[in-house]
Amino acid sequence: MKGLFRGRWLAVLGGVFGLMLAFSSRAFAQDEPTMADVVRGIDTVWVLMTAFLVFFMQAGFALVEAGFTRSKNTINIMMKNFIDFVMGTLAFWAVGYGLMFGEGTPFIGLSHFFLSGVEGDVGTVPVMAFWLFQLVFAATAATIVSGAMAERTKFVAYLLYSIVISGLIYPIFGHWVWGGGWLAELGFKDFAGSTVVHSVGGWAALVGAWLLGPRLDKYGPNGQVNLIPGHSAALGTLGVFILWLGWFGFNPGSQLAAIGSSADAIALIAANTNIAAAAGAFSAMMIHWLRNGKPDLGSTLNGALGGLVAITAGCAFVSPLSSLIIGLVAGPLIVFSTPVLDRLKIDDAVGAVPVHLVNGVWGTLAVGLFAVDGGLFSGGGFSQLVSQLIGVVACAAWTFATTFILFATIRATVGLRVNAEEEEAGLDAFEHGSSAYPDLLPLPDLAKINNKAPSGTATMAD
C-alpha cells in the first residue's frame, strides 16, 4: 500500500510539473527577447556595474585623504567624503542633471529638473542608468576638494560647497562638453573627464586652499616648508589601490556600451588606463629617488593617480604606446609642481592640485598631441590641439571664477576656517565631538579650550 500511495503522489507531482513546463514554455515563447532587448540588457548591466565601481572610488578618496593627514582629523575627512556624495546626489537629482543634459542652449540645460520628463533610453541604456553613471562622476569632482582643504575647513562650509559644485558649477561646464554644448560643437574631446571632472575639481581645490590659507606651522617665518606627515601610510596606499580599481569603471564605463565593437573599445580603454597609471607611478618614483636619494611612497602613489587622471581624456583616442608616454610625463609633473605650490604658500594637504589639476590639463592637451585620429603627432595638424587648449582655458575661467565667488561668500557668512585652537586640537573633537582613535587620542577638554579668548580665524596666505 505504501508503494502504491507513493507512486500515485509521484504521478500527480509529475503531472503538475509537466503542466508548469507547458505553460512556462508558452509564456517564454510569447515574451522571447529580441536581439535589441539582449543588447540593451547587457549594456545596462555594464553601465550600472561601472557606476558602482566609480561610486566605490569615494572610499578610495576617503582612505587616501585620511592616511595623508593627521589622526586627529580622521573622522572629519571621512564625514566630508561621505556627505559630499549625499548632498551631491540630492543636488544632481534636483537641478544638476537638468543643467547638464537638459534641452536648452549651448551654454546651459533648461529641462529635466528633479528628473521630470526623463524617459526612454540614452543610447542603448535606460535614462535612469545613465543618470546614476553621471551622478557618480559629479560626486568625484566634488570630493577632490576635500583633501586639498583638509585639517582646517569648517564642516558647514564644506557642506554648502558640496551642494553648489554638484548642482551648479560642475553640471554647467559638463553641459558645454558632454551635454552637446559649445565646446562639443567646437570639437573639444574629453572622453571620461580629465577636464570635465578632474580639472573642475582641481581648480576648485586650488581656489579653496588659497582662500583658506595654510595649516598652522606649515610654513616658517623665513619661508621654510615644514613637512606635516600623514598618520597612516597603509590607509593611503589602500585608498590608491581602490581608486586604481575604480578607474576601470570610470574610463571603460564611459563607453556606455559593451556589445559589438564596444567590446574592443572598452578593452583598449582599460589597457591604456592601466599602462598610464603604472608609468606615472614609475616615473614619479624615479624622479624623487634621483632627487632625494630614496624612493618615496607618497610621490609614487600620487604618480599613479596622476597617470590615471592624465589618461582619462584620451583613453579611447590614443594607442598603448602613447598612454605610456602620457603616464611617464604625469609622474614628474607631480614631483615638480608640488614645490611651486609651496613657494606660493598654497597648502594642499594631499597633493590634489598636482594630481587632478596639473595632470588634468596635461591629459587634455595630450589628446591634441597623441590622438590617433586628428592628433598633431598623427599628422592631424594643430586643429585638435587648439580645441583642447580652448577647453582648458574655458574650464579655468569658469571654475576659478565661480568657486572664488562661492568660497568668498562662505567665508563672509558662515565662515570658511576653524579658529586656531580648534585646528590645534583637531577637527574630530570640535566639529564632530568624537575621536577616530579614542584609546590613543582621547578627546580634549573642549569646555576648557572654549573658555580661552579666541585667537581669531586664519586668513588668506600672504
Protein backbone atom coordinates (compact mmCIF):
# COMPACT_ATOMS: atom_id res chain seq x y z
CA MET A 1 0.00 0.00 0.00
CA LYS A 2 2.78 2.44 0.84
CA GLY A 3 4.39 1.80 -2.54
CA LEU A 4 1.08 2.35 -4.35
CA PHE A 5 0.43 5.54 -2.39
CA ARG A 6 3.92 6.85 -3.14
CA GLY A 7 3.50 6.01 -6.81
CA ARG A 8 0.22 7.94 -7.08
CA TRP A 9 1.79 11.01 -5.48
CA LEU A 10 4.74 10.84 -7.84
CA ALA A 11 2.33 10.63 -10.77
CA VAL A 12 0.39 13.67 -9.53
CA LEU A 13 3.59 15.68 -8.97
CA GLY A 14 4.84 14.66 -12.39
CA GLY A 15 1.62 15.86 -13.99
CA VAL A 16 1.74 19.18 -12.18
CA PHE A 17 5.37 19.66 -13.16
CA GLY A 18 4.53 18.85 -16.76
CA LEU A 19 1.71 21.42 -16.82
CA MET A 20 4.03 24.03 -15.34
CA LEU A 21 6.59 23.37 -18.07
CA ALA A 22 3.95 23.59 -20.74
CA PHE A 23 2.59 26.91 -19.53
CA SER A 24 6.03 28.38 -18.87
CA SER A 25 7.24 27.38 -22.33
CA ARG A 26 4.24 29.17 -23.84
CA ALA A 27 4.96 32.24 -21.71
CA PHE A 28 8.59 32.25 -22.75
CA ALA A 29 7.58 31.83 -26.36
CA GLN A 30 5.31 34.85 -26.10
CA ASP A 31 7.95 37.01 -24.31
CA GLU A 32 11.04 35.82 -26.13
CA PRO A 33 13.53 38.73 -26.07
CA THR A 34 14.73 40.27 -29.29
CA MET A 35 18.39 40.91 -30.04
CA ALA A 36 17.77 44.57 -29.22
CA ASP A 37 16.50 43.54 -25.78
CA VAL A 38 19.62 41.45 -25.18
CA VAL A 39 21.91 44.31 -26.21
CA ARG A 40 20.00 46.74 -24.01
CA GLY A 41 20.16 44.41 -21.03
CA ILE A 42 23.88 43.70 -21.30
CA ASP A 43 24.75 47.36 -21.89
CA THR A 44 22.62 48.39 -18.92
CA VAL A 45 24.31 45.91 -16.60
CA TRP A 46 27.70 47.10 -17.86
CA VAL A 47 26.92 50.77 -17.23
CA LEU A 48 25.48 50.07 -13.78
CA MET A 49 28.41 47.88 -12.74
CA THR A 50 30.91 50.53 -13.80
CA ALA A 51 28.85 53.16 -11.99
CA PHE A 52 29.14 51.05 -8.83
CA LEU A 53 32.93 50.92 -9.31
CA VAL A 54 33.09 54.69 -9.64
CA PHE A 55 30.93 55.05 -6.53
CA PHE A 56 33.45 52.88 -4.64
CA MET A 57 36.10 55.47 -5.54
CA GLN A 58 34.56 57.60 -2.78
CA ALA A 59 36.00 55.06 -0.35
CA GLY A 60 39.37 55.36 -2.07
CA PHE A 61 39.38 59.14 -1.75
CA ALA A 62 38.37 58.89 1.91
CA LEU A 63 41.21 56.48 2.72
CA VAL A 64 43.82 58.43 0.76
CA GLU A 65 42.90 61.69 2.46
CA ALA A 66 42.67 60.13 5.91
CA GLY A 67 46.01 58.40 5.52
CA PHE A 68 47.77 61.51 4.23
CA THR A 69 46.52 63.70 7.11
CA ARG A 70 46.82 63.56 10.89
CA SER A 71 44.86 61.18 13.09
CA LYS A 72 43.05 63.99 14.92
CA ASN A 73 41.17 64.85 11.70
CA THR A 74 40.22 61.35 10.52
CA ILE A 75 36.52 61.47 11.36
CA ASN A 76 36.24 64.88 9.70
CA ILE A 77 37.81 63.55 6.49
CA MET A 78 35.56 60.51 6.47
CA MET A 79 32.48 62.61 7.17
CA LYS A 80 33.23 65.04 4.34
CA ASN A 81 33.84 62.27 1.81
CA PHE A 82 30.58 60.65 2.85
CA ILE A 83 28.43 63.76 2.97
CA ASP A 84 29.54 65.18 -0.37
CA PHE A 85 28.04 62.12 -2.06
CA VAL A 86 24.86 62.52 -0.02
CA MET A 87 24.45 66.20 -0.85
CA GLY A 88 25.72 65.68 -4.40
CA THR A 89 23.05 63.06 -5.02
CA LEU A 90 20.27 65.41 -3.93
CA ALA A 91 21.66 68.42 -5.81
CA PHE A 92 22.32 66.49 -9.02
CA TRP A 93 18.82 64.99 -8.86
CA ALA A 94 17.18 68.35 -8.26
CA VAL A 95 19.00 70.62 -10.72
CA GLY A 96 22.40 69.29 -11.76
CA TYR A 97 21.25 66.72 -14.30
CA GLY A 98 18.89 69.21 -15.92
CA LEU A 99 21.59 71.86 -16.22
CA MET A 100 24.00 69.31 -17.70
CA PHE A 101 21.83 67.21 -20.01
CA GLY A 102 18.56 69.09 -20.33
CA GLU A 103 17.45 70.73 -23.55
CA GLY A 104 18.44 74.38 -23.67
CA THR A 105 21.23 76.48 -25.14
CA PRO A 106 24.88 75.71 -25.97
CA PHE A 107 25.70 77.09 -22.52
CA ILE A 108 23.10 75.59 -20.19
CA GLY A 109 20.42 72.91 -19.98
CA LEU A 110 16.92 74.09 -19.09
CA SER A 111 14.82 70.95 -18.61
CA HIS A 112 14.59 67.68 -16.67
CA PHE A 113 14.91 69.31 -13.25
CA PHE A 114 14.02 66.87 -10.45
CA LEU A 115 14.30 64.24 -13.23
CA SER A 116 10.95 65.37 -14.63
CA GLY A 117 10.20 64.32 -18.17
CA VAL A 118 13.11 61.89 -18.44
CA GLU A 119 12.10 58.74 -20.26
CA GLY A 120 13.33 56.28 -22.84
CA ASP A 121 16.96 55.41 -23.42
CA VAL A 122 20.27 57.20 -23.76
CA GLY A 123 21.95 55.17 -26.46
CA THR A 124 21.11 51.61 -25.51
CA VAL A 125 20.65 52.07 -21.75
CA PRO A 126 17.69 53.36 -19.71
CA VAL A 127 17.95 57.02 -18.84
CA MET A 128 18.00 56.25 -15.11
CA ALA A 129 21.11 54.09 -15.53
CA PHE A 130 22.69 56.97 -17.44
CA TRP A 131 21.69 59.37 -14.64
CA LEU A 132 23.32 57.19 -11.98
CA PHE A 133 26.51 56.91 -14.01
CA GLN A 134 26.67 60.69 -14.40
CA LEU A 135 25.91 61.23 -10.72
CA VAL A 136 28.97 59.32 -9.53
CA PHE A 137 31.12 61.45 -11.86
CA ALA A 138 29.68 64.62 -10.31
CA ALA A 139 30.48 63.25 -6.85
CA THR A 140 34.07 62.55 -7.90
CA ALA A 141 34.59 66.15 -8.98
CA ALA A 142 33.20 67.36 -5.66
CA THR A 143 35.27 65.13 -3.39
CA ILE A 144 38.64 66.18 -4.90
CA VAL A 145 38.48 69.41 -2.90
CA SER A 146 38.21 67.71 0.48
CA GLY A 147 41.86 66.66 0.59
CA ALA A 148 43.36 69.97 -0.51
CA MET A 149 41.40 71.85 2.18
CA ALA A 150 41.86 69.21 4.86
CA GLU A 151 42.50 69.82 8.57
CA ARG A 152 41.21 73.40 8.84
CA THR A 153 37.87 73.75 7.00
CA LYS A 154 34.55 74.16 8.79
CA PHE A 155 32.23 71.26 8.14
CA VAL A 156 29.25 73.52 7.40
CA ALA A 157 31.36 75.33 4.79
CA TYR A 158 32.17 72.07 3.06
CA LEU A 159 28.51 71.07 3.20
CA LEU A 160 27.48 74.22 1.34
CA TYR A 161 30.29 73.81 -1.17
CA SER A 162 29.20 70.22 -1.95
CA ILE A 163 25.69 71.37 -2.86
CA VAL A 164 26.82 74.18 -5.16
CA ILE A 165 29.53 72.31 -7.06
CA SER A 166 27.33 69.26 -7.68
CA GLY A 167 24.21 71.22 -8.50
CA LEU A 168 25.62 74.18 -10.42
CA ILE A 169 29.34 74.58 -11.14
CA TYR A 170 30.17 71.08 -12.41
CA PRO A 171 26.93 70.50 -14.39
CA ILE A 172 27.10 73.75 -16.34
CA PHE A 173 30.64 73.11 -17.51
CA GLY A 174 29.71 69.48 -18.15
CA HIS A 175 26.91 70.70 -20.44
CA TRP A 176 29.47 72.51 -22.58
CA VAL A 177 31.30 69.24 -23.24
CA TRP A 178 29.02 66.24 -22.67
CA GLY A 179 25.62 67.88 -22.97
CA GLY A 180 26.06 68.97 -26.58
CA GLY A 181 27.24 72.47 -25.64
CA TRP A 182 29.55 74.91 -27.34
CA LEU A 183 32.83 73.10 -26.56
CA ALA A 184 31.43 69.87 -28.03
CA GLU A 185 30.45 71.79 -31.17
CA LEU A 186 33.99 73.17 -31.30
CA GLY A 187 35.42 69.63 -31.43
CA PHE A 188 36.82 69.52 -27.90
CA LYS A 189 37.45 65.92 -26.77
CA ASP A 190 37.39 64.65 -23.20
CA PHE A 191 36.33 61.02 -23.20
CA ALA A 192 35.98 60.40 -19.46
CA GLY A 193 36.77 63.67 -17.74
CA SER A 194 40.38 64.84 -17.39
CA THR A 195 38.91 68.33 -17.69
CA VAL A 196 35.19 67.89 -17.02
CA VAL A 197 35.76 66.03 -13.74
CA HIS A 198 39.36 66.35 -12.62
CA SER A 199 40.27 69.86 -13.73
CA VAL A 200 36.98 71.21 -12.39
CA GLY A 201 37.74 69.57 -9.04
CA GLY A 202 41.39 70.63 -9.26
CA TRP A 203 40.62 74.30 -9.92
CA ALA A 204 38.13 74.29 -7.06
CA ALA A 205 40.77 72.73 -4.81
CA LEU A 206 43.33 75.36 -5.78
CA VAL A 207 40.96 78.26 -5.10
CA GLY A 208 39.76 76.75 -1.84
CA ALA A 209 43.25 76.08 -0.49
CA TRP A 210 44.38 79.57 -1.49
CA LEU A 211 41.48 81.41 0.17
CA LEU A 212 41.61 79.14 3.20
CA GLY A 213 45.27 79.73 3.95
CA PRO A 214 47.88 77.15 5.03
CA ARG A 215 47.67 74.93 8.07
CA LEU A 216 49.27 76.17 11.27
CA ASP A 217 53.06 75.76 11.23
CA LYS A 218 53.12 74.59 7.60
CA TYR A 219 55.38 77.50 6.60
CA GLY A 220 58.01 79.04 8.82
CA PRO A 221 58.70 82.77 9.24
CA ASN A 222 61.61 82.60 6.82
CA GLY A 223 59.63 80.78 4.15
CA GLN A 224 60.79 77.27 5.03
CA VAL A 225 58.36 74.44 4.30
CA ASN A 226 57.59 72.18 7.24
CA LEU A 227 56.55 68.63 6.50
CA ILE A 228 53.27 67.59 8.16
CA PRO A 229 53.23 63.81 7.72
CA GLY A 230 50.05 61.80 7.45
CA HIS A 231 49.19 59.29 10.13
CA SER A 232 48.75 56.10 8.09
CA ALA A 233 50.68 55.04 5.01
CA ALA A 234 48.62 51.85 4.99
CA LEU A 235 45.30 53.70 4.65
CA GLY A 236 46.74 55.93 1.94
CA THR A 237 48.09 53.01 -0.06
CA LEU A 238 44.85 51.04 0.22
CA GLY A 239 42.97 54.12 -0.95
CA VAL A 240 45.11 54.39 -4.08
CA PHE A 241 44.53 50.71 -4.86
CA ILE A 242 40.78 51.30 -4.58
CA LEU A 243 40.98 54.37 -6.83
CA TRP A 244 43.01 52.44 -9.40
CA LEU A 245 40.37 49.71 -9.37
CA GLY A 246 37.57 52.27 -9.63
CA TRP A 247 39.18 53.83 -12.67
CA PHE A 248 38.41 50.62 -14.58
CA GLY A 249 34.81 51.70 -14.17
CA PHE A 250 35.49 55.39 -14.69
CA ASN A 251 37.15 55.12 -18.10
CA PRO A 252 35.80 51.94 -19.76
CA GLY A 253 32.32 52.66 -18.40
CA SER A 254 32.25 55.95 -20.29
CA GLN A 255 31.83 53.92 -23.48
CA LEU A 256 28.26 53.40 -22.18
CA ALA A 257 28.02 50.07 -24.01
CA ALA A 258 29.69 46.66 -24.06
CA ILE A 259 28.21 44.86 -27.09
CA GLY A 260 29.73 44.59 -30.56
CA SER A 261 32.54 46.98 -31.41
CA SER A 262 32.25 48.47 -27.93
CA ALA A 263 33.95 45.33 -26.59
CA ASP A 264 37.12 46.23 -28.48
CA ALA A 265 36.83 49.83 -27.31
CA ILE A 266 36.50 49.05 -23.62
CA ALA A 267 39.39 46.58 -23.80
CA LEU A 268 41.66 49.28 -25.31
CA ILE A 269 40.47 51.86 -22.79
CA ALA A 270 41.16 49.55 -19.84
CA ALA A 271 44.63 48.67 -21.14
CA ASN A 272 45.50 52.33 -21.76
CA THR A 273 44.25 53.26 -18.29
CA ASN A 274 46.44 50.67 -16.58
CA ILE A 275 49.57 51.43 -18.62
CA ALA A 276 49.39 55.16 -17.87
CA ALA A 277 48.91 54.55 -14.15
CA ALA A 278 51.92 52.25 -13.96
CA ALA A 279 54.05 54.65 -15.99
CA GLY A 280 53.06 57.57 -13.77
CA ALA A 281 53.95 55.69 -10.61
CA PHE A 282 57.28 54.56 -12.05
CA SER A 283 58.40 57.97 -13.31
CA ALA A 284 57.36 59.75 -10.10
CA MET A 285 59.25 57.19 -8.03
CA MET A 286 62.39 57.50 -10.14
CA ILE A 287 62.40 61.30 -10.21
CA HIS A 288 62.01 61.52 -6.44
CA TRP A 289 64.63 58.81 -5.95
CA LEU A 290 67.16 60.62 -8.13
CA ARG A 291 66.50 63.98 -6.50
CA ASN A 292 66.37 62.88 -2.87
CA GLY A 293 68.31 59.63 -2.71
CA LYS A 294 65.40 57.44 -1.64
CA PRO A 295 62.17 56.23 -3.24
CA ASP A 296 59.15 57.89 -1.65
CA LEU A 297 55.80 56.15 -1.16
CA GLY A 298 53.67 59.29 -1.25
CA SER A 299 55.15 60.53 -4.53
CA THR A 300 54.81 57.08 -6.08
CA LEU A 301 51.16 56.79 -5.08
CA ASN A 302 50.34 60.26 -6.37
CA GLY A 303 52.27 59.45 -9.55
CA ALA A 304 49.90 56.57 -10.23
CA LEU A 305 46.91 58.83 -9.63
CA GLY A 306 48.42 61.48 -11.88
CA GLY A 307 48.82 58.93 -14.67
CA LEU A 308 45.20 57.88 -14.22
CA VAL A 309 43.96 61.47 -14.38
CA ALA A 310 46.11 62.25 -17.43
CA ILE A 311 44.89 59.29 -19.50
CA THR A 312 41.23 59.86 -18.68
CA ALA A 313 40.65 62.36 -21.52
CA GLY A 314 42.33 60.34 -24.26
CA CYS A 315 42.00 56.71 -23.15
CA ALA A 316 39.70 55.93 -26.11
CA PHE A 317 41.64 58.01 -28.64
CA VAL A 318 45.30 57.04 -28.21
CA SER A 319 47.49 53.96 -28.60
CA PRO A 320 49.03 51.99 -25.71
CA LEU A 321 52.45 53.47 -26.55
CA SER A 322 51.02 56.98 -26.30
CA SER A 323 49.43 56.01 -22.99
CA LEU A 324 52.86 55.03 -21.72
CA ILE A 325 54.28 58.42 -22.72
CA ILE A 326 51.35 60.30 -21.18
CA GLY A 327 51.88 58.44 -17.90
CA LEU A 328 55.64 58.93 -17.92
CA VAL A 329 55.13 62.69 -18.19
CA ALA A 330 52.45 62.69 -15.48
CA GLY A 331 54.80 61.43 -12.76
CA PRO A 332 57.38 64.24 -12.97
CA LEU A 333 54.57 66.79 -13.15
CA ILE A 334 53.52 65.61 -9.69
CA VAL A 335 57.04 65.93 -8.28
CA PHE A 336 57.85 69.33 -9.80
CA SER A 337 54.51 71.09 -9.33
CA THR A 338 54.31 70.44 -5.58
CA PRO A 339 57.21 72.80 -4.70
CA VAL A 340 55.61 75.51 -6.85
CA LEU A 341 52.54 75.47 -4.60
CA ASP A 342 54.78 75.68 -1.54
CA ARG A 343 56.56 78.72 -2.96
CA LEU A 344 53.15 80.33 -3.34
CA LYS A 345 52.26 79.24 0.22
CA ILE A 346 49.27 77.27 -1.03
CA ASP A 347 48.96 74.33 1.35
CA ASP A 348 47.48 71.32 -0.44
CA ALA A 349 47.38 68.68 2.27
CA VAL A 350 47.21 65.60 0.00
CA GLY A 351 48.52 66.78 -3.39
CA ALA A 352 45.09 67.14 -5.02
CA VAL A 353 46.13 70.09 -7.21
CA PRO A 354 49.19 68.39 -8.79
CA VAL A 355 47.24 65.17 -9.32
CA HIS A 356 43.90 66.45 -10.59
CA LEU A 357 44.52 69.95 -11.95
CA VAL A 358 48.04 69.77 -13.37
CA ASN A 359 47.58 66.32 -14.85
CA GLY A 360 44.01 67.07 -15.88
CA VAL A 361 45.39 69.89 -18.05
CA TRP A 362 48.23 67.71 -19.33
CA GLY A 363 45.95 64.81 -20.22
CA THR A 364 43.52 67.09 -22.04
CA LEU A 365 46.26 68.68 -24.14
CA ALA A 366 47.77 65.24 -24.77
CA VAL A 367 44.66 64.35 -26.80
CA GLY A 368 45.63 67.07 -29.25
CA LEU A 369 49.11 65.60 -29.48
CA PHE A 370 48.58 61.84 -29.48
CA ALA A 371 45.05 61.15 -30.73
CA VAL A 372 45.22 58.53 -33.48
CA ASP A 373 42.57 60.48 -35.38
CA GLY A 374 43.48 64.16 -35.56
CA GLY A 375 46.42 64.38 -33.15
CA LEU A 376 49.42 66.53 -34.03
CA PHE A 377 51.85 63.60 -33.91
CA SER A 378 49.49 61.55 -36.08
CA GLY A 379 49.56 64.09 -38.89
CA GLY A 380 46.37 65.87 -37.92
CA GLY A 381 47.88 69.31 -37.55
CA PHE A 382 47.15 71.79 -34.78
CA SER A 383 43.35 71.92 -35.05
CA GLN A 384 42.61 69.39 -32.31
CA LEU A 385 45.30 70.81 -30.04
CA VAL A 386 43.79 74.28 -30.36
CA SER A 387 40.34 72.92 -29.49
CA GLN A 388 41.81 71.21 -26.43
CA LEU A 389 43.55 74.40 -25.34
CA ILE A 390 40.31 76.38 -25.62
CA GLY A 391 38.59 73.80 -23.43
CA VAL A 392 41.34 74.02 -20.81
CA VAL A 393 41.11 77.83 -20.71
CA ALA A 394 37.30 77.75 -20.56
CA CYS A 395 37.41 75.34 -17.61
CA ALA A 396 39.96 77.51 -15.80
CA ALA A 397 37.96 80.70 -16.29
CA TRP A 398 34.59 79.20 -15.34
CA THR A 399 35.69 77.15 -12.35
CA PHE A 400 38.12 79.67 -10.90
CA ALA A 401 35.56 82.48 -11.07
CA THR A 402 32.60 80.52 -9.72
CA THR A 403 34.48 78.77 -6.91
CA PHE A 404 36.14 82.05 -5.89
CA ILE A 405 32.71 83.62 -5.52
CA LEU A 406 31.44 80.56 -3.68
CA PHE A 407 34.27 80.28 -1.16
CA ALA A 408 34.47 84.05 -0.64
CA THR A 409 30.74 84.13 0.07
CA ILE A 410 31.00 81.22 2.50
CA ARG A 411 33.94 82.91 4.26
CA ALA A 412 31.98 86.14 4.62
CA THR A 413 28.87 84.44 6.02
CA VAL A 414 29.18 81.18 7.96
CA GLY A 415 32.97 81.20 7.87
CA LEU A 416 35.37 79.01 5.95
CA ARG A 417 38.00 78.09 8.52
CA VAL A 418 38.02 76.95 12.13
CA ASN A 419 39.95 79.02 14.66
CA ALA A 420 43.48 78.24 15.77
CA GLU A 421 42.52 76.43 18.99
CA GLU A 422 40.11 74.16 17.14
CA GLU A 423 42.66 73.39 14.44
CA GLU A 424 45.32 72.62 17.02
CA ALA A 425 43.07 70.25 18.96
CA GLY A 426 41.74 68.60 15.81
CA LEU A 427 38.53 68.84 13.80
CA ASP A 428 37.31 65.47 15.02
CA ALA A 429 36.86 66.88 18.51
CA PHE A 430 35.48 70.31 17.70
CA GLU A 431 33.45 69.61 14.57
CA HIS A 432 32.12 66.16 15.50
CA GLY A 433 32.69 65.66 19.22
CA SER A 434 34.46 62.33 18.77
CA SER A 435 37.80 60.67 18.08
CA ALA A 436 38.72 58.09 15.45
CA TYR A 437 41.22 56.53 17.86
CA PRO A 438 39.77 57.07 21.36
CA ASP A 439 42.20 54.69 23.05
CA LEU A 440 45.21 56.52 21.59
CA LEU A 441 43.79 60.00 21.09
CA PRO A 442 41.24 60.86 23.79
CA LEU A 443 39.01 63.89 23.36
CA PRO A 444 40.49 67.14 24.68
CA ASP A 445 38.70 69.19 27.32
CA LEU A 446 36.56 71.18 24.91
CA ALA A 447 34.98 73.33 27.59
CA LYS A 448 38.37 74.38 28.88
CA ILE A 449 39.63 75.24 25.45
CA ASN A 450 36.43 77.08 24.52
CA ASN A 451 36.79 79.31 27.59
CA LYS A 452 40.04 80.69 26.20
CA ALA A 453 39.96 84.01 24.44
CA PRO A 454 39.62 83.29 20.72
CA SER A 455 42.75 83.87 18.71
CA GLY A 456 40.80 84.70 15.55
CA THR A 457 40.46 82.92 12.26
CA ALA A 458 43.37 82.47 9.93
CA THR A 459 43.04 84.33 6.68
CA MET A 460 44.39 84.10 3.16
CA ALA A 461 48.09 83.42 2.90
CA ASP A 462 50.24 86.47 2.13
